[in-house]
Protein backbone atom coordinates (compact mmCIF):
# COMPACT_ATOMS: atom_id res chain seq x y z
CA MET A 1 24.12 237.07 -153.70
CA GLN A 2 26.40 237.05 -157.25
CA GLN A 3 27.61 233.54 -158.08
CA VAL A 4 29.32 232.91 -161.06
CA SER A 5 32.00 229.65 -162.41
CA THR A 6 35.32 231.17 -163.42
CA GLU A 7 36.75 228.21 -165.59
CA ILE A 8 40.02 228.31 -166.06
CA SER A 9 41.12 228.75 -169.80
CA ALA A 10 44.33 227.03 -171.39
CA PRO A 11 47.24 229.28 -172.31
CA VAL A 12 47.55 230.02 -175.85
CA ALA A 13 50.34 227.39 -176.47
CA THR A 14 47.90 225.01 -175.36
CA ARG A 15 44.11 225.92 -175.87
CA ALA A 16 43.32 223.59 -178.95
CA THR A 17 44.73 220.91 -177.14
CA VAL A 18 42.82 220.92 -174.10
CA ALA A 19 40.16 218.04 -174.09
CA ARG A 20 36.85 219.47 -172.22
CA VAL A 21 34.89 217.59 -170.31
CA GLN A 22 31.60 217.74 -171.00
CA ALA A 23 30.12 216.66 -167.72
CA ILE A 24 31.49 220.04 -166.41
CA ASP A 25 30.34 222.48 -169.11
CA ILE A 26 27.03 220.93 -168.91
CA VAL A 27 26.51 220.99 -164.91
CA ARG A 28 28.38 224.60 -164.94
CA GLY A 29 26.24 225.77 -167.90
CA LEU A 30 22.72 224.43 -165.94
CA VAL A 31 23.41 226.37 -162.69
CA MET A 32 24.49 229.56 -164.56
CA VAL A 33 20.97 229.35 -165.83
CA ILE A 34 19.63 228.75 -162.67
CA MET A 35 21.83 231.84 -161.32
CA ALA A 36 20.21 234.20 -163.36
CA LEU A 37 17.00 233.59 -161.95
CA ASP A 38 18.09 234.56 -158.76
CA HIS A 39 19.65 237.84 -159.66
CA VAL A 40 16.11 238.54 -161.75
CA ARG A 41 14.13 238.05 -158.46
CA ASP A 42 16.48 240.54 -156.90
CA PHE A 43 16.18 243.56 -159.22
CA TRP A 44 12.70 243.09 -160.88
CA SER A 45 10.80 241.05 -158.09
CA PRO A 46 12.20 241.85 -154.50
CA THR A 47 10.30 241.35 -151.24
CA THR A 48 10.18 242.90 -147.76
CA PHE A 49 11.09 239.88 -146.22
CA ARG A 50 13.84 237.15 -147.08
CA PRO A 51 12.22 234.21 -149.24
CA GLU A 52 13.82 232.04 -146.48
CA ASP A 53 11.35 233.66 -143.87
CA LEU A 54 8.92 230.59 -143.28
CA ALA A 55 6.61 232.76 -141.23
CA GLN A 56 5.96 234.89 -144.20
CA THR A 57 6.98 233.24 -147.65
CA SER A 58 5.55 231.01 -149.85
CA VAL A 59 6.95 227.68 -151.11
CA LEU A 60 7.17 228.80 -154.57
CA LEU A 61 9.05 231.91 -153.59
CA PHE A 62 11.13 229.73 -151.17
CA PHE A 63 12.45 227.06 -153.86
CA THR A 64 12.51 230.41 -156.33
CA ARG A 65 15.56 230.99 -154.07
CA TRP A 66 16.11 227.75 -152.25
CA ILE A 67 17.51 226.31 -155.70
CA THR A 68 19.60 229.09 -156.53
CA HIS A 69 21.89 227.84 -153.34
CA PHE A 70 23.53 225.23 -155.76
CA CYS A 71 24.91 227.82 -157.93
CA ALA A 72 28.11 228.98 -156.06
CA PRO A 73 29.29 225.68 -154.57
CA THR A 74 28.73 224.28 -157.89
CA PHE A 75 30.76 227.16 -159.72
CA VAL A 76 33.31 226.91 -156.87
CA PHE A 77 33.92 223.42 -156.83
CA LEU A 78 34.13 223.32 -160.79
CA SER A 79 36.79 225.81 -160.81
CA GLY A 80 38.52 223.96 -158.44
CA THR A 81 38.39 220.93 -160.98
CA SER A 82 39.23 223.20 -164.02
CA ILE A 83 42.25 224.11 -162.35
CA TYR A 84 43.77 220.32 -161.87
CA LEU A 85 42.67 219.65 -165.27
CA TYR A 86 44.59 222.83 -166.87
CA GLN A 87 47.23 221.80 -164.53
CA GLN A 88 47.80 218.44 -166.19
CA LYS A 89 48.09 220.00 -169.69
CA GLN A 90 51.23 222.16 -168.38
CA PRO A 91 55.45 220.96 -168.21
CA ARG A 92 55.73 222.94 -165.06
CA LYS A 93 53.74 223.85 -161.66
CA GLY A 94 55.30 227.43 -161.98
CA PRO A 95 53.41 228.81 -164.84
CA VAL A 96 50.17 227.26 -163.30
CA SER A 97 51.06 229.18 -160.14
CA TRP A 98 51.73 232.47 -161.79
CA PHE A 99 48.37 232.45 -163.78
CA LEU A 100 46.27 231.84 -160.74
CA LEU A 101 48.16 234.75 -158.91
CA THR A 102 47.39 237.30 -161.34
CA ARG A 103 43.91 235.76 -162.60
CA GLY A 104 43.22 235.72 -159.03
CA LEU A 105 43.91 239.56 -158.41
CA TRP A 106 42.43 240.16 -161.97
CA LEU A 107 39.12 238.73 -160.61
CA VAL A 108 39.39 240.69 -157.23
CA ALA A 109 39.67 243.95 -159.14
CA LEU A 110 36.64 243.76 -161.43
CA GLU A 111 34.93 243.01 -158.21
CA LEU A 112 35.90 245.68 -156.90
CA LEU A 113 35.62 248.44 -159.92
CA VAL A 114 33.10 246.96 -162.36
CA ILE A 115 31.12 244.58 -160.83
CA SER A 116 29.93 246.52 -158.01
CA PHE A 117 29.31 249.45 -160.19
CA MET A 118 26.87 247.57 -162.06
CA LEU A 119 24.96 245.59 -159.56
CA LEU A 120 24.95 249.28 -156.83
CA TRP A 121 24.65 251.82 -160.46
CA GLY A 122 27.49 253.65 -158.52
CA TYR A 123 30.13 253.48 -155.73
CA SER A 124 27.95 254.40 -152.95
CA MET A 125 29.45 251.13 -151.48
CA ILE A 126 31.49 248.05 -152.63
CA LEU A 127 30.47 244.65 -152.70
CA LEU A 128 32.67 241.91 -151.86
CA GLN A 129 30.95 238.82 -153.24
CA VAL A 130 31.64 235.36 -155.06
CA ILE A 131 33.86 236.91 -157.78
CA TRP A 132 35.98 238.43 -154.65
CA VAL A 133 35.87 235.11 -152.91
CA ILE A 134 37.09 233.18 -156.31
CA GLY A 135 39.87 235.64 -156.84
CA TRP A 136 41.20 235.05 -153.63
CA ALA A 137 40.89 231.57 -153.37
CA MET A 138 43.09 231.37 -156.49
CA VAL A 139 45.53 233.46 -155.35
CA LEU A 140 45.77 231.18 -152.38
CA LEU A 141 46.07 228.32 -154.44
CA ALA A 142 48.85 229.32 -156.51
CA GLY A 143 50.90 228.49 -153.49
CA LEU A 144 48.82 225.86 -152.03
CA ILE A 145 49.35 223.67 -154.84
CA TRP A 146 52.81 223.00 -154.17
CA LEU A 147 52.14 221.50 -151.15
CA PRO A 148 51.30 217.43 -151.07
CA ARG A 149 47.83 216.36 -152.38
CA TRP A 150 47.53 214.76 -148.56
CA LEU A 151 47.87 217.98 -146.79
CA LEU A 152 45.86 219.83 -149.49
CA ALA A 153 42.91 216.85 -148.46
CA LEU A 154 43.34 217.53 -144.51
CA LEU A 155 43.34 220.99 -145.08
CA ALA A 156 39.96 220.86 -147.43
CA PHE A 157 38.61 218.64 -144.49
CA VAL A 158 39.35 220.75 -142.08
CA ILE A 159 37.77 223.88 -143.23
CA ILE A 160 34.58 222.53 -144.70
CA ALA A 161 33.87 220.25 -141.49
CA GLY A 162 35.45 222.61 -138.94
CA HIS A 163 34.43 226.12 -139.60
CA ASN A 164 30.84 226.00 -138.13
CA ALA A 165 32.49 225.40 -134.81
CA LEU A 166 34.40 229.07 -135.11
CA PRO A 167 32.73 231.82 -133.25
CA THR A 168 31.62 234.79 -135.39
CA ILE A 169 33.54 237.98 -134.81
CA GLN A 170 31.60 240.88 -133.42
CA PRO A 171 31.95 243.47 -133.87
CA VAL A 172 34.08 243.79 -136.81
CA THR A 173 36.62 246.33 -136.20
CA ALA A 174 39.96 247.41 -138.15
CA ALA A 175 41.84 245.25 -136.09
CA ASN A 176 40.00 242.13 -136.94
CA VAL A 177 38.69 242.65 -140.00
CA GLY A 178 41.12 240.37 -141.67
CA LEU A 179 39.80 237.46 -139.70
CA ALA A 180 36.26 238.34 -140.39
CA LEU A 181 36.78 237.91 -143.97
CA LEU A 182 37.86 234.43 -143.34
CA HIS A 183 34.63 233.09 -141.88
CA ASN A 184 31.97 235.39 -140.75
CA GLY A 185 28.67 235.63 -142.24
CA PRO A 186 27.62 239.20 -144.21
CA PHE A 187 28.76 242.40 -142.55
CA LEU A 188 29.40 245.98 -143.21
CA PHE A 189 32.75 247.50 -142.58
CA ASP A 190 32.70 251.31 -142.81
CA PRO A 191 36.83 252.36 -143.13
CA ALA A 192 37.94 255.69 -143.14
CA HIS A 193 38.18 257.54 -146.35
CA LEU A 194 36.76 255.11 -148.16
CA PRO A 195 33.34 253.73 -149.16
CA PRO A 196 31.62 251.22 -146.79
CA PHE A 197 32.42 247.60 -147.74
CA LEU A 198 29.58 245.05 -147.66
CA VAL A 199 31.28 241.89 -147.58
CA ALA A 200 28.73 238.53 -148.80
CA TYR A 201 31.04 236.17 -148.95
CA SER A 202 34.01 234.92 -146.87
CA ILE A 203 37.07 233.42 -147.85
CA GLY A 204 37.66 230.35 -145.72
CA PRO A 205 34.77 228.45 -146.59
CA TRP A 206 35.05 229.05 -150.22
CA LEU A 207 38.83 227.94 -150.27
CA GLY A 208 37.74 224.32 -148.85
CA VAL A 209 35.15 224.15 -151.89
CA MET A 210 37.77 225.17 -154.51
CA LEU A 211 40.58 222.68 -152.61
CA ALA A 212 38.05 219.98 -152.64
CA GLY A 213 37.23 220.19 -156.36
CA TYR A 214 40.87 220.38 -157.18
CA LEU A 215 41.24 217.17 -155.58
CA ILE A 216 38.58 215.74 -156.91
CA GLY A 217 40.33 216.55 -160.70
CA PRO A 218 42.29 212.89 -160.94
CA TRP A 219 38.68 211.25 -161.06
CA PHE A 220 37.98 212.81 -164.28
CA GLU A 221 40.82 211.46 -166.02
CA LEU A 222 39.75 208.17 -165.25
CA PRO A 223 37.91 206.02 -167.97
CA LEU A 224 34.18 207.09 -167.74
CA PRO A 225 32.67 203.96 -165.79
CA GLN A 226 34.77 204.58 -162.96
CA ARG A 227 34.68 207.65 -163.05
CA THR A 228 30.72 207.72 -162.77
CA ARG A 229 30.87 205.60 -160.10
CA MET A 230 32.93 206.97 -157.85
CA LEU A 231 31.20 210.40 -158.27
CA ARG A 232 28.13 208.74 -157.51
CA LEU A 233 29.34 207.38 -154.39
CA ALA A 234 30.54 210.53 -153.45
CA GLY A 235 27.33 212.41 -153.88
CA VAL A 236 25.20 209.77 -152.22
CA ALA A 237 27.60 209.93 -149.26
CA LEU A 238 27.34 213.59 -148.91
CA LEU A 239 23.40 213.32 -149.24
CA LEU A 240 23.22 210.62 -146.37
CA MET A 241 25.49 212.98 -144.54
CA PHE A 242 23.21 215.78 -144.65
CA VAL A 243 19.85 213.89 -143.59
CA ALA A 244 21.74 212.28 -140.73
CA LEU A 245 23.27 215.64 -139.61
CA ARG A 246 20.14 217.49 -140.10
CA ALA A 247 17.84 214.83 -138.73
CA THR A 248 19.91 215.06 -135.27
CA ASN A 249 20.24 219.02 -135.10
CA TRP A 250 23.23 217.92 -133.41
CA TYR A 251 26.74 219.59 -135.67
CA GLY A 252 26.75 221.49 -139.08
CA ASP A 253 24.83 224.10 -139.54
CA PRO A 254 23.83 227.29 -136.85
CA LEU A 255 20.38 227.52 -138.06
CA PRO A 256 18.23 224.19 -136.27
CA TRP A 257 15.09 222.66 -138.44
CA SER A 258 11.68 222.47 -136.45
CA THR A 259 8.19 221.43 -136.89
CA GLN A 260 6.14 224.32 -138.21
CA GLU A 261 3.07 225.82 -137.27
CA ARG A 262 2.18 226.02 -141.32
CA GLY A 263 2.04 222.55 -141.37
CA LEU A 264 3.96 219.52 -142.96
CA ALA A 265 5.47 221.47 -146.50
CA TYR A 266 6.92 224.07 -144.26
CA SER A 267 8.43 221.73 -141.95
CA VAL A 268 10.06 220.16 -144.85
CA LEU A 269 10.84 223.58 -145.98
CA SER A 270 12.63 224.01 -142.84
CA PHE A 271 14.55 220.82 -143.03
CA LEU A 272 15.97 222.00 -146.53
CA ASN A 273 16.52 225.68 -145.01
CA VAL A 274 20.55 225.05 -144.71
CA THR A 275 22.61 228.14 -143.91
CA LYS A 276 24.65 229.95 -147.34
CA TYR A 277 26.49 233.05 -145.68
CA PRO A 278 29.15 231.44 -144.46
CA SER A 279 28.50 228.35 -146.40
CA SER A 280 27.77 225.56 -143.57
CA LEU A 281 28.64 222.00 -143.81
CA LEU A 282 25.50 220.74 -144.49
CA PHE A 283 24.99 223.74 -146.87
CA LEU A 284 27.80 221.93 -148.96
CA CYS A 285 27.00 218.56 -148.32
CA LEU A 286 23.34 219.12 -149.99
CA THR A 287 24.47 221.38 -152.76
CA LEU A 288 27.97 219.40 -153.62
CA GLY A 289 25.88 216.11 -153.43
CA VAL A 290 23.70 216.99 -155.71
CA ALA A 291 26.26 218.53 -157.84
CA LEU A 292 28.38 215.40 -157.98
CA LEU A 293 25.09 213.24 -159.06
CA LEU A 294 24.61 215.54 -162.05
CA LEU A 295 28.18 215.16 -163.23
CA SER A 296 27.92 211.37 -163.25
CA SER A 297 24.77 211.69 -165.34
CA VAL A 298 25.51 214.06 -168.02
CA GLU A 299 28.76 212.86 -169.95
CA GLY A 300 26.66 211.41 -172.57
CA ALA A 301 24.06 213.79 -173.06
CA THR A 302 23.69 214.81 -177.08
CA ASN A 303 20.19 216.56 -176.59
CA ARG A 304 19.60 220.16 -177.65
CA LEU A 305 19.19 221.73 -174.15
CA SER A 306 22.57 219.75 -173.02
CA GLN A 307 24.06 221.74 -175.97
CA TRP A 308 22.85 225.01 -175.00
CA LEU A 309 23.97 224.37 -171.58
CA ARG A 310 27.06 223.64 -172.84
CA THR A 311 27.69 226.94 -174.73
CA PHE A 312 26.78 228.63 -171.47
CA GLY A 313 29.28 226.26 -169.53
CA GLN A 314 32.21 227.23 -171.84
CA VAL A 315 31.95 230.83 -171.43
CA PRO A 316 30.85 231.09 -168.04
CA PHE A 317 32.71 234.89 -167.35
CA PHE A 318 31.59 236.23 -170.34
CA TYR A 319 27.90 234.93 -169.49
CA TYR A 320 28.24 236.58 -166.01
CA ILE A 321 28.97 239.76 -167.01
CA LEU A 322 26.67 239.93 -169.97
CA HIS A 323 23.52 238.83 -167.68
CA LEU A 324 24.58 241.04 -164.90
CA PHE A 325 24.46 243.80 -167.38
CA LEU A 326 20.73 242.74 -168.85
CA ILE A 327 19.35 242.49 -165.84
CA SER A 328 20.56 245.58 -163.61
CA PHE A 329 20.46 247.67 -166.69
CA GLY A 330 17.19 246.49 -167.99
CA ALA A 331 15.84 247.15 -164.04
CA LEU A 332 17.24 250.72 -164.57
CA ILE A 333 15.06 251.03 -167.67
CA TRP A 334 12.02 249.33 -166.37
CA THR A 335 11.71 251.13 -162.94
CA THR A 336 12.07 254.44 -165.24
CA VAL A 337 9.49 253.85 -167.03
CA ALA A 338 7.06 252.47 -164.60
CA PHE A 339 7.91 254.71 -161.81
CA GLY A 340 9.06 257.95 -163.44
CA LYS A 341 12.80 257.50 -161.94
CA PRO A 342 15.25 254.80 -161.81
CA ILE A 343 14.98 252.96 -158.45
CA ASN A 344 17.27 250.22 -157.50
CA LEU A 345 15.44 248.01 -155.80
CA SER A 346 17.65 245.25 -154.71
CA PHE A 347 19.99 247.74 -152.89
CA ASN A 348 17.37 250.36 -151.83
CA PRO A 349 15.13 249.73 -148.51
CA PRO A 350 11.78 248.94 -148.52
CA THR A 351 11.06 252.29 -147.38
CA ALA A 352 12.43 253.89 -150.34
CA TRP A 353 10.56 251.55 -152.76
CA PRO A 354 7.86 253.43 -155.06
CA ALA A 355 4.82 253.28 -153.87
CA ALA A 356 3.29 251.64 -156.78
CA TYR A 357 5.71 248.66 -156.84
CA GLN A 358 4.29 245.47 -155.95
CA PRO A 359 6.62 241.76 -156.19
CA SER A 360 5.82 239.40 -158.95
CA LEU A 361 7.12 235.96 -159.40
CA LEU A 362 5.23 235.97 -162.66
CA ARG A 363 7.33 239.06 -163.79
CA ALA A 364 10.82 237.43 -162.56
CA TYR A 365 9.91 234.20 -164.42
CA VAL A 366 9.19 235.99 -167.72
CA VAL A 367 12.06 238.83 -167.38
CA TRP A 368 14.67 235.38 -166.39
CA ALA A 369 13.44 233.62 -169.56
CA VAL A 370 13.94 236.81 -172.00
CA VAL A 371 17.51 237.02 -170.22
CA VAL A 372 18.19 233.58 -170.91
CA LEU A 373 17.29 233.57 -174.62
CA LEU A 374 19.29 236.55 -175.22
CA LEU A 375 22.26 235.90 -173.58
CA TYR A 376 22.42 232.48 -176.12
CA MET A 377 23.45 234.05 -179.05
CA PRO A 378 26.38 236.18 -178.20
CA CYS A 379 27.35 233.55 -175.65
CA ARG A 380 27.94 231.18 -178.70
CA TRP A 381 29.64 233.79 -180.38
CA TYR A 382 32.03 234.23 -178.12
CA GLN A 383 32.11 230.11 -177.92
CA ASP A 384 33.41 229.98 -181.23
CA PHE A 385 35.96 233.45 -181.02
CA LYS A 386 37.88 231.65 -178.30
CA ARG A 387 38.09 228.50 -180.64
CA ARG A 388 39.44 230.43 -183.58
CA HIS A 389 41.93 232.50 -181.79
CA SER A 390 44.27 232.33 -179.52
CA TYR A 391 45.02 235.68 -177.76
CA TRP A 392 46.22 235.64 -174.65
CA TRP A 393 43.74 237.70 -172.48
CA LEU A 394 41.49 235.11 -173.57
CA SER A 395 42.41 233.30 -170.65
CA TYR A 396 41.18 236.25 -168.49
CA VAL A 397 37.87 236.53 -170.10
């Protein structure tokens, strides 16, 4: 469910010399704003059915959920690109590898100890979501960056294009949970003497996405016209691949599209309804294709909206933690006032919801707008703080 970018910050000695790529910050900021909508909907307006359920959803509800699919792949992809750009500022790979290892383990610990608690309002269960997979992808990349680029390209291709051919591991047991963590869709694992683990994101596909972002890093060192051309060609190629494979239902997604009895609009939704958990080849073709086109289009943007998005995009982890706190803690207060007791609508079954509760997309959109507005000034303050200070821990926050 949760999505976040983990931009690589430069170490203390070089922070002021690292040239930022505006397009990366703007696109990252854009998907962060969109991400908040999904999390608000989860806590403030969940439904008894999945928004992608074409038999029950509305067009607006479907797109409210579907548009947020672009967040996680864009975040992870740009994390890989940021790693490459960070590496170019360092004289040796050793410190880069160490930073990726420690930053990755730090993110895994935060997912387990802080983020899970913040979302669940306790430790009744442990969530393993996008911060978890980004952390482990960084840990793995700490070793992979020593390999030749051609081998990394082959590995990324095999992971992204081939993982849909792997069977799902069922049932998940202590003996095979390691393999399930690499590929399975969401599953619940209940180890002895520990809270159960809800694994929403598997590590393998997202490692492939981070590797792909790392591999296109050199494009951002090219002159802008050449970079723009390469990003656009790659984006168009991915979208054409998506259309061709999706139209034939041949390969790339476990959920084939079909003509819907509810009419043409829902048939189009079926075509667009690709699988995020685990991220299918077609899911990544669609989302990364659009992300590449956006990256090719906004480097020269100077309007007020682009500056707002840049602010968010330059402090992604700070934004992520703060927006989860506002959304989750705000929902706790709202449900207490509205229903007489706090109720976590996102992580309780509908049978436990108050009888007076009704989902409302209007409520979700209003709360989303309020959350984003409240986030701007703290994010701007932290952006300025990072520019004026060089504390070592800023590389981890």
